[in-house]
């Protein structure tokens, strides 16, 4: 048989999950091992876990570390993205816990944002500043991959889960929460939600050529958006209620990517 007549082999698809607060080990998958990876930018938050969900191999990384030891500004985002790429990741699904600015996004609401504004500072935010790295000016007009966003949204529809389509993520420095005036500024800038880990993660994934999308869970009204103070117990209650659903959505989305 001539080479041109041979069936083309399908490129390997290997989705990865970068998980936020509360999600430190996927439920419902079969863990198969972990890869300890060193990168030119240091160590990732944890060894990269490998597992299988319904015959789909999945990589998993808790960005804060297993015991939530890393505050947002101390996460080695470059090492995390580089380690996932080194392990063969082809797509990245990020889970982010956020505060709600837009009144249409109360606590407990899930959304898949389509834009982001970066208010962080002092974080290693590019692979281009090392001497042996190629300088990149990546197009970041649309920071989240359109096809991967649609896969997340369609997974929600299939599971009969209402997921808000779109929104602007305002990424702040942390670890403290924002002042009411800061939230008013973000709202004026067009932000719908606020979180501390959306950047530089999204930009680094773009530099690595990895399709990247975010599933965000609103766990509290942002500062000044409620008469009550922001309470940790309220945040923990929302996480407890919604994390099983988030876990199921992310794993099922990985299965759809790998199908």
Foldseek 3Di string as FASTA:
>chain_A
DDPVPDDDDDDAAEEEEAEEPPCQDFPQWAWDAFAFDADPQGGALDTWTWTDHPNHIYTYHHQCHNVSVRFLQRGQLLNVLVNCVVVPHQAYEYEFEWAFLAPVAAALAKEWAFAEDEPADDHPQEPQPDPPDDDDDFDCVGLAFPVLLVLLVVLCVVVVHDYHYHFYEYAYADPDADAPVVSVVVVVVGGGIYGHHPPPNSVHCVVVVHHYIYIYGHQHHGHPPDPDDDDPVSSVVSCVVCVVVVSVSVNVSSVVSRD
